[in-house]
């Protein structure tokens, strides 16, 4: 899949490939993270994540209609 040409929110033109990563094992809870790059399957842990840039994902919800919007911002 090709990256969009322009961000519909801010008009920016630089998109970086990545994927959302959720870590859940038993009762362990964590915040979803956006991971830079293309997912690489790894035999022991499912995905190879060493050396990949990671950003926590925050999601906002409209109380009126339930629309969700997620961000993975640095800093």
C-alpha atoms as a PDB file:
ATOM      1  CA  UNK A   1       0.000   0.000   0.000  1.00  0.00           C
ATOM      2  CA  UNK A   2       1.345   3.422  -0.928  1.00  0.00           C
ATOM      3  CA  UNK A   3       1.465   6.260   1.575  1.00  0.00           C
ATOM      4  CA  UNK A   4      -1.012   9.104   1.023  1.00  0.00           C
ATOM      5  CA  UNK A   5       0.347  12.149  -0.813  1.00  0.00           C
ATOM      6  CA  UNK A   6      -0.891  14.635   1.765  1.00  0.00           C
ATOM      7  CA  UNK A   7      -2.046  14.512   5.383  1.00  0.00           C
ATOM      8  CA  UNK A   8      -5.775  15.330   5.540  1.00  0.00           C
ATOM      9  CA  UNK A   9      -5.316  16.841   9.009  1.00  0.00           C
ATOM     10  CA  UNK A  10      -2.291  19.173   8.755  1.00  0.00           C
ATOM     11  CA  UNK A  11      -1.437  19.205   5.052  1.00  0.00           C
ATOM     12  CA  UNK A  12       2.009  17.697   5.656  1.00  0.00           C
ATOM     13  CA  UNK A  13       3.534  15.666   2.850  1.00  0.00           C
ATOM     14  CA  UNK A  14       5.917  13.310   4.660  1.00  0.00           C
ATOM     15  CA  UNK A  15       4.538   9.927   5.706  1.00  0.00           C
ATOM     16  CA  UNK A  16       6.600   7.229   7.385  1.00  0.00           C
ATOM     17  CA  UNK A  17       5.658   3.536   7.228  1.00  0.00           C
ATOM     18  CA  UNK A  18       4.983   1.807  10.517  1.00  0.00           C
ATOM     19  CA  UNK A  19       2.499  -0.359  12.391  1.00  0.00           C
ATOM     20  CA  UNK A  20       0.613  -0.506  15.678  1.00  0.00           C
ATOM     21  CA  UNK A  21       1.953  -2.886  18.296  1.00  0.00           C
ATOM     22  CA  UNK A  22      -0.072  -4.158  21.253  1.00  0.00           C
ATOM     23  CA  UNK A  23       1.619  -6.138  23.963  1.00  0.00           C
ATOM     24  CA  UNK A  24      -0.749  -8.194  26.040  1.00  0.00           C
ATOM     25  CA  UNK A  25       0.255 -11.326  27.873  1.00  0.00           C
ATOM     26  CA  UNK A  26      -2.053 -12.657  30.519  1.00  0.00           C
ATOM     27  CA  UNK A  27      -3.041  -9.786  32.813  1.00  0.00           C
ATOM     28  CA  UNK A  28      -0.166  -7.547  31.653  1.00  0.00           C
ATOM     29  CA  UNK A  29      -1.487  -4.277  30.219  1.00  0.00           C
ATOM     30  CA  UNK A  30       0.363  -1.656  28.203  1.00  0.00           C
ATOM     31  CA  UNK A  31      -0.206   1.316  25.933  1.00  0.00           C
ATOM     32  CA  UNK A  32      -0.255   0.602  22.206  1.00  0.00           C
ATOM     33  CA  UNK A  33       2.811   1.798  20.354  1.00  0.00           C
ATOM     34  CA  UNK A  34       3.468   2.902  16.795  1.00  0.00           C
ATOM     35  CA  UNK A  35       6.614   1.185  15.516  1.00  0.00           C
ATOM     36  CA  UNK A  36       8.594   2.602  12.604  1.00  0.00           C
ATOM     37  CA  UNK A  37       9.172   0.374   9.595  1.00  0.00           C
ATOM     38  CA  UNK A  38       7.603  -2.708   8.106  1.00  0.00           C
ATOM     39  CA  UNK A  39       6.745  -5.571  10.509  1.00  0.00           C
ATOM     40  CA  UNK A  40       9.385  -8.329  10.449  1.00  0.00           C
ATOM     41  CA  UNK A  41       8.268 -11.686  11.810  1.00  0.00           C
ATOM     42  CA  UNK A  42      10.577 -13.191  14.423  1.00  0.00           C
ATOM     43  CA  UNK A  43      10.532 -16.828  15.446  1.00  0.00           C
ATOM     44  CA  UNK A  44      10.637 -16.403  19.231  1.00  0.00           C
ATOM     45  CA  UNK A  45       8.649 -13.258  20.012  1.00  0.00           C
ATOM     46  CA  UNK A  46       6.397 -12.911  16.968  1.00  0.00           C
ATOM     47  CA  UNK A  47       7.897  -9.622  15.724  1.00  0.00           C
ATOM     48  CA  UNK A  48      11.436  -8.293  15.572  1.00  0.00           C
ATOM     49  CA  UNK A  49      11.392  -4.889  17.320  1.00  0.00           C
ATOM     50  CA  UNK A  50      15.032  -4.332  18.356  1.00  0.00           C
ATOM     51  CA  UNK A  51      16.350  -1.010  17.106  1.00  0.00           C
ATOM     52  CA  UNK A  52      12.936   0.159  15.855  1.00  0.00           C
ATOM     53  CA  UNK A  53      11.732   3.623  16.829  1.00  0.00           C
ATOM     54  CA  UNK A  54       8.622   3.370  19.022  1.00  0.00           C
ATOM     55  CA  UNK A  55       6.085   6.008  20.041  1.00  0.00           C
ATOM     56  CA  UNK A  56       3.185   5.653  22.460  1.00  0.00           C
ATOM     57  CA  UNK A  57      -0.221   6.056  20.806  1.00  0.00           C
ATOM     58  CA  UNK A  58      -2.858   8.337  22.287  1.00  0.00           C
ATOM     59  CA  UNK A  59      -6.452   8.172  21.063  1.00  0.00           C
ATOM     60  CA  UNK A  60      -9.159  10.783  21.489  1.00  0.00           C
ATOM     61  CA  UNK A  61     -12.872   9.925  21.421  1.00  0.00           C
ATOM     62  CA  UNK A  62     -15.778  12.189  20.532  1.00  0.00           C
ATOM     63  CA  UNK A  63     -18.355  11.898  23.316  1.00  0.00           C
ATOM     64  CA  UNK A  64     -21.140  12.721  20.857  1.00  0.00           C
ATOM     65  CA  UNK A  65     -20.613  10.183  18.068  1.00  0.00           C
ATOM     66  CA  UNK A  66     -17.779   7.946  19.271  1.00  0.00           C
ATOM     67  CA  UNK A  67     -15.361   8.912  16.472  1.00  0.00           C
ATOM     68  CA  UNK A  68     -11.765   7.939  17.367  1.00  0.00           C
ATOM     69  CA  UNK A  69      -8.605   9.760  16.303  1.00  0.00           C
ATOM     70  CA  UNK A  70      -5.150   8.428  17.212  1.00  0.00           C
ATOM     71  CA  UNK A  71      -1.762  10.164  17.327  1.00  0.00           C
ATOM     72  CA  UNK A  72       1.818   8.977  17.801  1.00  0.00           C
ATOM     73  CA  UNK A  73       3.784  12.170  18.409  1.00  0.00           C
ATOM     74  CA  UNK A  74       7.382  12.558  19.476  1.00  0.00           C
ATOM     75  CA  UNK A  75       7.995  14.359  22.761  1.00  0.00           C
END
